[in-house]
Amino acid sequence: MPELLADGLPERTARSRFDFSKWADGQAWKFVKGDDYTSSTETFRYNVRRWARQQGIEVELRPYPAVDAEGNEIPLAKQDAVALGVRFVVDRGPAGPGR
């Protein structure tokens, strides 16, 4: 039998262990599954997009597909990507003198 929550739903907590701000510098970064994150690459991609949206910045993402023994890419529909390329697009404002 389910429990009645007399006080309503509990407050939602942030569950991401990443603070992507140290990588939001406009450079491209490669995050490797198993080394940099342990979730599925799709879950990690979702967390990156959510963080960027919360900060009001754009993000570009590129998956790195797994490869077979001969070095051929395995389609993402058949196997999760092994890494994710991430670039947070930093808006520096209108171009001024010297830009």
PDB file of N, CA and C in Angstrom:
ATOM      1  N   MET A   1       0.846  -1.183   0.000  1.00  0.00           N
ATOM      2  CA  MET A   1       0.000   0.000   0.000  1.00  0.00           C
ATOM      3  C   MET A   1       0.886   1.240   0.000  1.00  0.00           C
ATOM      4  N   PRO A   2       0.643   2.187  -0.895  1.00  0.00           N
ATOM      5  CA  PRO A   2       1.458   3.407  -0.923  1.00  0.00           C
ATOM      6  C   PRO A   2       1.245   4.254   0.326  1.00  0.00           C
ATOM      7  N   GLU A   3       2.262   5.049   0.628  1.00  0.00           N
ATOM      8  CA  GLU A   3       2.219   5.931   1.798  1.00  0.00           C
ATOM      9  C   GLU A   3       1.666   7.296   1.394  1.00  0.00           C
ATOM     10  N   LEU A   4       0.757   7.829   2.185  1.00  0.00           N
ATOM     11  CA  LEU A   4       0.213   9.167   1.964  1.00  0.00           C
ATOM     12  C   LEU A   4       1.235  10.191   2.427  1.00  0.00           C
ATOM     13  N   LEU A   5       1.568  11.145   1.566  1.00  0.00           N
ATOM     14  CA  LEU A   5       2.511  12.212   1.909  1.00  0.00           C
ATOM     15  C   LEU A   5       1.703  13.429   2.331  1.00  0.00           C
ATOM     16  N   ALA A   6       1.417  13.529   3.607  1.00  0.00           N
ATOM     17  CA  ALA A   6       0.565  14.589   4.148  1.00  0.00           C
ATOM     18  C   ALA A   6       1.124  15.980   3.878  1.00  0.00           C
ATOM     19  N   ASP A   7       2.454  16.113   3.805  1.00  0.00           N
ATOM     20  CA  ASP A   7       3.079  17.412   3.552  1.00  0.00           C
ATOM     21  C   ASP A   7       3.346  17.647   2.066  1.00  0.00           C
ATOM     22  N   GLY A   8       2.882  16.785   1.212  1.00  0.00           N
ATOM     23  CA  GLY A   8       3.103  16.923  -0.227  1.00  0.00           C
ATOM     24  C   GLY A   8       4.432  16.310  -0.629  1.00  0.00           C
ATOM     25  N   LEU A   9       4.818  16.563  -1.852  1.00  0.00           N
ATOM     26  CA  LEU A   9       6.067  16.013  -2.372  1.00  0.00           C
ATOM     27  C   LEU A   9       7.262  16.728  -1.759  1.00  0.00           C
ATOM     28  N   PRO A  10       8.346  15.998  -1.511  1.00  0.00           N
ATOM     29  CA  PRO A  10       9.552  16.643  -0.979  1.00  0.00           C
ATOM     30  C   PRO A  10      10.188  17.539  -2.048  1.00  0.00           C
ATOM     31  N   GLU A  11      10.996  18.486  -1.599  1.00  0.00           N
ATOM     32  CA  GLU A  11      11.701  19.366  -2.533  1.00  0.00           C
ATOM     33  C   GLU A  11      12.644  18.546  -3.386  1.00  0.00           C
ATOM     34  N   ARG A  12      12.737  18.911  -4.643  1.00  0.00           N
ATOM     35  CA  ARG A  12      13.632  18.232  -5.569  1.00  0.00           C
ATOM     36  C   ARG A  12      15.059  18.713  -5.323  1.00  0.00           C
ATOM     37  N   THR A  13      16.012  17.790  -5.302  1.00  0.00           N
ATOM     38  CA  THR A  13      17.404  18.155  -5.096  1.00  0.00           C
ATOM     39  C   THR A  13      18.176  17.994  -6.399  1.00  0.00           C
ATOM     40  N   ALA A  14      19.216  18.799  -6.559  1.00  0.00           N
ATOM     41  CA  ALA A  14      20.089  18.671  -7.726  1.00  0.00           C
ATOM     42  C   ALA A  14      20.899  17.394  -7.567  1.00  0.00           C
ATOM     43  N   ARG A  15      20.873  16.555  -8.603  1.00  0.00           N
ATOM     44  CA  ARG A  15      21.551  15.274  -8.477  1.00  0.00           C
ATOM     45  C   ARG A  15      22.813  15.184  -9.319  1.00  0.00           C
ATOM     46  N   SER A  16      23.112  16.192 -10.103  1.00  0.00           N
ATOM     47  CA  SER A  16      24.300  16.128 -10.941  1.00  0.00           C
ATOM     48  C   SER A  16      25.540  16.322 -10.080  1.00  0.00           C
ATOM     49  N   ARG A  17      26.530  15.470 -10.276  1.00  0.00           N
ATOM     50  CA  ARG A  17      27.766  15.613  -9.522  1.00  0.00           C
ATOM     51  C   ARG A  17      28.736  16.551 -10.220  1.00  0.00           C
ATOM     52  N   PHE A  18      28.339  17.066 -11.371  1.00  0.00           N
ATOM     53  CA  PHE A  18      29.216  17.931 -12.137  1.00  0.00           C
ATOM     54  C   PHE A  18      28.857  19.395 -11.984  1.00  0.00           C
ATOM     55  N   ASP A  19      29.866  20.215 -11.858  1.00  0.00           N
ATOM     56  CA  ASP A  19      29.737  21.654 -12.002  1.00  0.00           C
ATOM     57  C   ASP A  19      30.481  21.961 -13.295  1.00  0.00           C
ATOM     58  N   PHE A  20      29.745  22.064 -14.377  1.00  0.00           N
ATOM     59  CA  PHE A  20      30.359  22.232 -15.690  1.00  0.00           C
ATOM     60  C   PHE A  20      30.981  23.605 -15.891  1.00  0.00           C
ATOM     61  N   SER A  21      30.873  24.505 -14.914  1.00  0.00           N
ATOM     62  CA  SER A  21      31.375  25.869 -15.096  1.00  0.00           C
ATOM     63  C   SER A  21      32.870  25.896 -15.403  1.00  0.00           C
ATOM     64  N   LYS A  22      33.641  24.945 -14.886  1.00  0.00           N
ATOM     65  CA  LYS A  22      35.080  24.968 -15.176  1.00  0.00           C
ATOM     66  C   LYS A  22      35.402  24.567 -16.610  1.00  0.00           C
ATOM     67  N   TRP A  23      34.427  24.003 -17.323  1.00  0.00           N
ATOM     68  CA  TRP A  23      34.628  23.656 -18.724  1.00  0.00           C
ATOM     69  C   TRP A  23      33.875  24.587 -19.661  1.00  0.00           C
ATOM     70  N   ALA A  24      33.143  25.539 -19.123  1.00  0.00           N
ATOM     71  CA  ALA A  24      32.332  26.455 -19.949  1.00  0.00           C
ATOM     72  C   ALA A  24      33.169  27.656 -20.362  1.00  0.00           C
ATOM     73  N   ASP A  25      34.257  27.386 -21.071  1.00  0.00           N
ATOM     74  CA  ASP A  25      35.188  28.439 -21.459  1.00  0.00           C
ATOM     75  C   ASP A  25      35.283  28.620 -22.976  1.00  0.00           C
ATOM     76  N   GLY A  26      34.379  27.980 -23.716  1.00  0.00           N
ATOM     77  CA  GLY A  26      34.388  28.105 -25.168  1.00  0.00           C
ATOM     78  C   GLY A  26      35.281  27.105 -25.867  1.00  0.00           C
ATOM     79  N   GLN A  27      36.075  26.346 -25.116  1.00  0.00           N
ATOM     80  CA  GLN A  27      36.932  25.332 -25.716  1.00  0.00           C
ATOM     81  C   GLN A  27      36.173  24.007 -25.815  1.00  0.00           C
ATOM     82  N   ALA A  28      36.650  23.116 -26.682  1.00  0.00           N
ATOM     83  CA  ALA A  28      36.036  21.794 -26.838  1.00  0.00           C
ATOM     84  C   ALA A  28      36.695  20.817 -25.872  1.00  0.00           C
ATOM     85  N   TRP A  29      35.872  20.022 -25.190  1.00  0.00           N
ATOM     86  CA  TRP A  29      36.330  19.060 -24.197  1.00  0.00           C
ATOM     87  C   TRP A  29      35.778  17.679 -24.535  1.00  0.00           C
ATOM     88  N   LYS A  30      36.566  16.637 -24.308  1.00  0.00           N
ATOM     89  CA  LYS A  30      36.126  15.265 -24.536  1.00  0.00           C
ATOM     90  C   LYS A  30      35.964  14.578 -23.181  1.00  0.00           C
ATOM     91  N   PHE A  31      34.745  14.142 -22.890  1.00  0.00           N
ATOM     92  CA  PHE A  31      34.430  13.408 -21.668  1.00  0.00           C
ATOM     93  C   PHE A  31      34.300  11.930 -22.048  1.00  0.00           C
ATOM     94  N   VAL A  32      35.073  11.071 -21.399  1.00  0.00           N
ATOM     95  CA  VAL A  32      35.122   9.651 -21.739  1.00  0.00           C
ATOM     96  C   VAL A  32      34.297   8.838 -20.735  1.00  0.00           C
ATOM     97  N   LYS A  33      33.425   8.001 -21.287  1.00  0.00           N
ATOM     98  CA  LYS A  33      32.594   7.132 -20.451  1.00  0.00           C
ATOM     99  C   LYS A  33      33.495   6.166 -19.678  1.00  0.00           C
ATOM    100  N   GLY A  34      33.223   6.033 -18.387  1.00  0.00           N
ATOM    101  CA  GLY A  34      34.027   5.164 -17.535  1.00  0.00           C
ATOM    102  C   GLY A  34      35.134   5.912 -16.814  1.00  0.00           C
ATOM    103  N   ASP A  35      35.666   6.965 -17.441  1.00  0.00           N
ATOM    104  CA  ASP A  35      36.696   7.795 -16.812  1.00  0.00           C
ATOM    105  C   ASP A  35      36.084   9.071 -16.238  1.00  0.00           C
ATOM    106  N   ASP A  36      35.292   9.759 -17.059  1.00  0.00           N
ATOM    107  CA  ASP A  36      34.742  11.056 -16.670  1.00  0.00           C
ATOM    108  C   ASP A  36      33.279  10.978 -16.227  1.00  0.00           C
ATOM    109  N   TYR A  37      32.565   9.969 -16.660  1.00  0.00           N
ATOM    110  CA  TYR A  37      31.179   9.751 -16.244  1.00  0.00           C
ATOM    111  C   TYR A  37      30.876   8.260 -16.314  1.00  0.00           C
ATOM    112  N   THR A  38      29.920   7.823 -15.490  1.00  0.00           N
ATOM    113  CA  THR A  38      29.610   6.395 -15.429  1.00  0.00           C
ATOM    114  C   THR A  38      28.220   6.055 -15.947  1.00  0.00           C
ATOM    115  N   SER A  39      27.392   7.073 -16.140  1.00  0.00           N
ATOM    116  CA  SER A  39      26.039   6.830 -16.652  1.00  0.00           C
ATOM    117  C   SER A  39      26.112   6.506 -18.143  1.00  0.00           C
ATOM    118  N   SER A  40      24.967   6.283 -18.756  1.00  0.00           N
ATOM    119  CA  SER A  40      24.956   6.148 -20.208  1.00  0.00           C
ATOM    120  C   SER A  40      25.346   7.501 -20.804  1.00  0.00           C
ATOM    121  N   THR A  41      25.845   7.494 -22.004  1.00  0.00           N
ATOM    122  CA  THR A  41      26.226   8.747 -22.651  1.00  0.00           C
ATOM    123  C   THR A  41      24.999   9.617 -22.882  1.00  0.00           C
ATOM    124  N   GLU A  42      23.856   8.997 -23.142  1.00  0.00           N
ATOM    125  CA  GLU A  42      22.627   9.773 -23.349  1.00  0.00           C
ATOM    126  C   GLU A  42      22.224  10.493 -22.059  1.00  0.00           C
ATOM    127  N   THR A  43      22.361   9.842 -20.919  1.00  0.00           N
ATOM    128  CA  THR A  43      22.062  10.489 -19.642  1.00  0.00           C
ATOM    129  C   THR A  43      23.045  11.626 -19.379  1.00  0.00           C
ATOM    130  N   PHE A  44      24.319  11.390 -19.653  1.00  0.00           N
ATOM    131  CA  PHE A  44      25.324  12.440 -19.464  1.00  0.00           C
ATOM    132  C   PHE A  44      25.021  13.626 -20.380  1.00  0.00           C
ATOM    133  N   ARG A  45      24.658  13.350 -21.637  1.00  0.00           N
ATOM    134  CA  ARG A  45      24.304  14.413 -22.582  1.00  0.00           C
ATOM    135  C   ARG A  45      23.121  15.229 -22.047  1.00  0.00           C
ATOM    136  N   TYR A  46      22.123  14.553 -21.507  1.00  0.00           N
ATOM    137  CA  TYR A  46      20.970  15.238 -20.932  1.00  0.00           C
ATOM    138  C   TYR A  46      21.404  16.172 -19.800  1.00  0.00           C
ATOM    139  N   ASN A  47      22.286  15.681 -18.914  1.00  0.00           N
ATOM    140  CA  ASN A  47      22.756  16.499 -17.802  1.00  0.00           C
ATOM    141  C   ASN A  47      23.553  17.713 -18.273  1.00  0.00           C
ATOM    142  N   VAL A  48      24.363  17.553 -19.314  1.00  0.00           N
ATOM    143  CA  VAL A  48      25.113  18.681 -19.875  1.00  0.00           C
ATOM    144  C   VAL A  48      24.140  19.720 -20.436  1.00  0.00           C
ATOM    145  N   ARG A  49      23.169  19.272 -21.226  1.00  0.00           N
ATOM    146  CA  ARG A  49      22.183  20.198 -21.811  1.00  0.00           C
ATOM    147  C   ARG A  49      21.381  20.911 -20.729  1.00  0.00           C
ATOM    148  N   ARG A  50      20.965  20.176 -19.701  1.00  0.00           N
ATOM    149  CA  ARG A  50      20.185  20.771 -18.620  1.00  0.00           C
ATOM    150  C   ARG A  50      20.998  21.839 -17.892  1.00  0.00           C
ATOM    151  N   TRP A  51      22.265  21.559 -17.599  1.00  0.00           N
ATOM    152  CA  TRP A  51      23.110  22.528 -16.911  1.00  0.00           C
ATOM    153  C   TRP A  51      23.265  23.785 -17.775  1.00  0.00           C
ATOM    154  N   ALA A  52      23.523  23.597 -19.068  1.00  0.00           N
ATOM    155  CA  ALA A  52      23.692  24.749 -19.968  1.00  0.00           C
ATOM    156  C   ALA A  52      22.420  25.583 -20.020  1.00  0.00           C
ATOM    157  N   ARG A  53      21.276  24.931 -20.111  1.00  0.00           N
ATOM    158  CA  ARG A  53      20.002  25.647 -20.157  1.00  0.00           C
ATOM    159  C   ARG A  53      19.795  26.459 -18.875  1.00  0.00           C
ATOM    160  N   GLN A  54      20.138  25.870 -17.730  1.00  0.00           N
ATOM    161  CA  GLN A  54      19.995  26.573 -16.453  1.00  0.00           C
ATOM    162  C   GLN A  54      20.914  27.792 -16.368  1.00  0.00           C
ATOM    163  N   GLN A  55      22.044  27.745 -17.064  1.00  0.00           N
ATOM    164  CA  GLN A  55      22.993  28.859 -17.059  1.00  0.00           C
ATOM    165  C   GLN A  55      22.688  29.880 -18.156  1.00  0.00           C
ATOM    166  N   GLY A  56      21.758  29.529 -19.047  1.00  0.00           N
ATOM    167  CA  GLY A  56      21.408  30.421 -20.146  1.00  0.00           C
ATOM    168  C   GLY A  56      22.458  30.468 -21.239  1.00  0.00           C
ATOM    169  N   ILE A  57      23.192  29.361 -21.419  1.00  0.00           N
ATOM    170  CA  ILE A  57      24.201  29.317 -22.476  1.00  0.00           C
ATOM    171  C   ILE A  57      23.924  28.150 -23.422  1.00  0.00           C
ATOM    172  N   GLU A  58      24.467  28.251 -24.602  1.00  0.00           N
ATOM    173  CA  GLU A  58      24.316  27.204 -25.614  1.00  0.00           C
ATOM    174  C   GLU A  58      25.415  26.163 -25.438  1.00  0.00           C
ATOM    175  N   VAL A  59      25.157  24.958 -25.923  1.00  0.00           N
ATOM    176  CA  VAL A  59      26.166  23.906 -25.869  1.00  0.00           C
ATOM    177  C   VAL A  59      26.113  23.105 -27.162  1.00  0.00           C
ATOM    178  N   GLU A  60      27.288  22.727 -27.651  1.00  0.00           N
ATOM    179  CA  GLU A  60      27.398  21.850 -28.816  1.00  0.00           C
ATOM    180  C   GLU A  60      27.908  20.502 -28.320  1.00  0.00           C
ATOM    181  N   LEU A  61      27.328  19.414 -28.833  1.00  0.00           N
ATOM    182  CA  LEU A  61      27.682  18.077 -28.386  1.00  0.00           C
ATOM    183  C   LEU A  61      27.964  17.173 -29.576  1.00  0.00           C
ATOM    184  N   ARG A  62      28.993  16.338 -29.466  1.00  0.00           N
ATOM    185  CA  ARG A  62      29.318  15.363 -30.500  1.00  0.00           C
ATOM    186  C   ARG A  62      29.647  14.029 -29.842  1.00  0.00           C
ATOM    187  N   PRO A  63      28.882  12.974 -30.157  1.00  0.00           N
ATOM    188  CA  PRO A  63      29.193  11.657 -29.592  1.00  0.00           C
ATOM    189  C   PRO A  63      30.375  11.017 -30.317  1.00  0.00           C
ATOM    190  N   TYR A  64      31.122  10.207 -29.598  1.00  0.00           N
ATOM    191  CA  TYR A  64      32.203   9.405 -30.161  1.00  0.00           C
ATOM    192  C   TYR A  64      31.724   7.965 -30.166  1.00  0.00           C
ATOM    193  N   PRO A  65      31.393   7.411 -31.341  1.00  0.00           N
ATOM    194  CA  PRO A  65      30.888   6.035 -31.394  1.00  0.00           C
ATOM    195  C   PRO A  65      31.969   5.025 -31.005  1.00  0.00           C
ATOM    196  N   ALA A  66      31.530   3.872 -30.502  1.00  0.00           N
ATOM    197  CA  ALA A  66      32.436   2.758 -30.241  1.00  0.00           C
ATOM    198  C   ALA A  66      32.906   2.213 -31.589  1.00  0.00           C
ATOM    199  N   VAL A  67      34.027   1.513 -31.577  1.00  0.00           N
ATOM    200  CA  VAL A  67      34.542   0.889 -32.800  1.00  0.00           C
ATOM    201  C   VAL A  67      34.711  -0.602 -32.576  1.00  0.00           C
ATOM    202  N   ASP A  68      34.615  -1.363 -33.671  1.00  0.00           N
ATOM    203  CA  ASP A  68      34.797  -2.812 -33.568  1.00  0.00           C
ATOM    204  C   ASP A  68      36.289  -3.151 -33.663  1.00  0.00           C
ATOM    205  N   ALA A  69      36.610  -4.440 -33.700  1.00  0.00           N
ATOM    206  CA  ALA A  69      38.005  -4.892 -33.708  1.00  0.00           C
ATOM    207  C   ALA A  69      38.790  -4.387 -34.915  1.00  0.00           C
ATOM    208  N   GLU A  70      38.086  -4.112 -36.015  1.00  0.00           N
ATOM    209  CA  GLU A  70      38.760  -3.620 -37.223  1.00  0.00           C
ATOM    210  C   GLU A  70      38.818  -2.093 -37.264  1.00  0.00           C
ATOM    211  N   GLY A  71      38.266  -1.431 -36.251  1.00  0.00           N
ATOM    212  CA  GLY A  71      38.308   0.027 -36.217  1.00  0.00           C
ATOM    213  C   GLY A  71      37.123   0.701 -36.889  1.00  0.00           C
ATOM    214  N   ASN A  72      36.115  -0.079 -37.278  1.00  0.00           N
ATOM    215  CA  ASN A  72      34.919   0.487 -37.897  1.00  0.00           C
ATOM    216  C   ASN A  72      33.960   0.974 -36.820  1.00  0.00           C
ATOM    217  N   GLU A  73      33.353   2.136 -37.052  1.00  0.00           N
ATOM    218  CA  GLU A  73      32.393   2.667 -36.088  1.00  0.00           C
ATOM    219  C   GLU A  73      31.171   1.773 -35.972  1.00  0.00           C
ATOM    220  N   ILE A  74      30.735   1.562 -34.738  1.00  0.00           N
ATOM    221  CA  ILE A  74      29.508   0.816 -34.481  1.00  0.00           C
ATOM    222  C   ILE A  74      28.382   1.839 -34.402  1.00  0.00           C
ATOM    223  N   PRO A  75      27.306   1.669 -35.180  1.00  0.00           N
ATOM    224  CA  PRO A  75      26.214   2.655 -35.165  1.00  0.00           C
ATOM    225  C   PRO A  75      25.699   2.912 -33.751  1.00  0.00           C
ATOM    226  N   LEU A  76      25.406   4.173 -33.455  1.00  0.00           N
ATOM    227  CA  LEU A  76      24.928   4.547 -32.132  1.00  0.00           C
ATOM    228  C   LEU A  76      23.618   3.861 -31.778  1.00  0.00           C
ATOM    229  N   ALA A  77      22.869   3.421 -32.786  1.00  0.00           N
ATOM    230  CA  ALA A  77      21.617   2.710 -32.522  1.00  0.00           C
ATOM    231  C   ALA A  77      21.889   1.329 -31.928  1.00  0.00           C
ATOM    232  N   LYS A  78      23.104   0.815 -32.111  1.00  0.00           N
ATOM    233  CA  LYS A  78      23.425  -0.526 -31.621  1.00  0.00           C
ATOM    234  C   LYS A  78      24.274  -0.511 -30.358  1.00  0.00           C
ATOM    235  N   GLN A  79      25.008   0.554 -30.114  1.00  0.00           N
ATOM    236  CA  GLN A  79      25.864   0.619 -28.925  1.00  0.00           C
ATOM    237  C   GLN A  79      26.018   2.069 -28.491  1.00  0.00           C
ATOM    238  N   ASP A  80      26.034   2.275 -27.177  1.00  0.00           N
ATOM    239  CA  ASP A  80      26.181   3.606 -26.600  1.00  0.00           C
ATOM    240  C   ASP A  80      27.528   4.214 -27.013  1.00  0.00           C
ATOM    241  N   ALA A  81      27.553   5.519 -27.174  1.00  0.00           N
ATOM    242  CA  ALA A  81      28.797   6.209 -27.497  1.00  0.00           C
ATOM    243  C   ALA A  81      29.792   6.023 -26.358  1.00  0.00           C
ATOM    244  N   VAL A  82      31.088   6.045 -26.681  1.00  0.00           N
ATOM    245  CA  VAL A  82      32.129   5.817 -25.682  1.00  0.00           C
ATOM    246  C   VAL A  82      32.645   7.122 -25.081  1.00  0.00           C
ATOM    247  N   ALA A  83      32.267   8.239 -25.697  1.00  0.00           N
ATOM    248  CA  ALA A  83      32.691   9.543 -25.200  1.00  0.00           C
ATOM    249  C   ALA A  83      31.775  10.601 -25.784  1.00  0.00           C
ATOM    250  N   LEU A  84      31.852  11.797 -25.209  1.00  0.00           N
ATOM    251  CA  LEU A  84      31.034  12.907 -25.692  1.00  0.00           C
ATOM    252  C   LEU A  84      31.893  14.149 -25.766  1.00  0.00           C
ATOM    253  N   GLY A  85      31.944  14.752 -26.954  1.00  0.00           N
ATOM    254  CA  GLY A  85      32.616  16.034 -27.122  1.00  0.00           C
ATOM    255  C   GLY A  85      31.651  17.139 -26.738  1.00  0.00           C
ATOM    256  N   VAL A  86      32.129  18.098 -25.929  1.00  0.00           N
ATOM    257  CA  VAL A  86      31.285  19.164 -25.392  1.00  0.00           C
ATOM    258  C   VAL A  86      31.972  20.501 -25.599  1.00  0.00           C
ATOM    259  N   ARG A  87      31.215  21.476 -26.102  1.00  0.00           N
ATOM    260  CA  ARG A  87      31.719  22.849 -26.177  1.00  0.00           C
ATOM    261  C   ARG A  87      30.594  23.773 -25.775  1.00  0.00           C
ATOM    262  N   PHE A  88      30.787  24.471 -24.658  1.00  0.00           N
ATOM    263  CA  PHE A  88      29.829  25.476 -24.228  1.00  0.00           C
ATOM    264  C   PHE A  88      30.133  26.744 -25.005  1.00  0.00           C
ATOM    265  N   VAL A  89      29.117  27.281 -25.665  1.00  0.00           N
ATOM    266  CA  VAL A  89      29.289  28.460 -26.503  1.00  0.00           C
ATOM    267  C   VAL A  89      29.200  29.685 -25.605  1.00  0.00           C
ATOM    268  N   VAL A  90      30.335  30.331 -25.435  1.00  0.00           N
ATOM    269  CA  VAL A  90      30.418  31.487 -24.557  1.00  0.00           C
ATOM    270  C   VAL A  90      30.186  32.740 -25.386  1.00  0.00           C
ATOM    271  N   ASP A  91      29.147  33.490 -25.035  1.00  0.00           N
ATOM    272  CA  ASP A  91      28.841  34.738 -25.733  1.00  0.00           C
ATOM    273  C   ASP A  91      29.604  35.857 -25.054  1.00  0.00           C
ATOM    274  N   ARG A  92      30.550  36.430 -25.767  1.00  0.00           N
ATOM    275  CA  ARG A  92      31.370  37.504 -25.218  1.00  0.00           C
ATOM    276  C   ARG A  92      30.762  38.881 -25.493  1.00  0.00           C
ATOM    277  N   GLY A  93      29.545  38.900 -26.012  1.00  0.00           N
ATOM    278  CA  GLY A  93      28.922  40.189 -26.312  1.00  0.00           C
ATOM    279  C   GLY A  93      29.321  40.681 -27.682  1.00  0.00           C
ATOM    280  N   PRO A  94      28.884  41.903 -28.044  1.00  0.00           N
ATOM    281  CA  PRO A  94      29.218  42.430 -29.363  1.00  0.00           C
ATOM    282  C   PRO A  94      30.715  42.660 -29.513  1.00  0.00           C
ATOM    283  N   ALA A  95      31.169  42.457 -30.725  1.00  0.00           N
ATOM    284  CA  ALA A  95      32.605  42.634 -30.999  1.00  0.00           C
ATOM    285  C   ALA A  95      32.980  44.107 -30.851  1.00  0.00           C
ATOM    286  N   GLY A  96      33.953  44.352 -30.059  1.00  0.00           N
ATOM    287  CA  GLY A  96      34.424  45.708 -29.853  1.00  0.00           C
ATOM    288  C   GLY A  96      35.749  45.931 -30.538  1.00  0.00           C
ATOM    289  N   PRO A  97      36.409  47.041 -30.241  1.00  0.00           N
ATOM    290  CA  PRO A  97      37.715  47.306 -30.850  1.00  0.00           C
ATOM    291  C   PRO A  97      38.705  46.205 -30.525  1.00  0.00           C
ATOM    292  N   GLY A  98      39.497  45.843 -31.516  1.00  0.00           N
ATOM    293  CA  GLY A  98      40.498  44.824 -31.328  1.00  0.00           C
ATOM    294  C   GLY A  98      39.985  43.420 -31.448  1.00  0.00           C
ATOM    295  N   ARG A  99      38.723  43.244 -31.800  1.00  0.00           N
ATOM    296  CA  ARG A  99      38.165  41.897 -31.955  1.00  0.00           C
ATOM    297  C   ARG A  99      38.017  41.550 -33.396  1.00  0.00           C
TER     298      ARG A  99
END
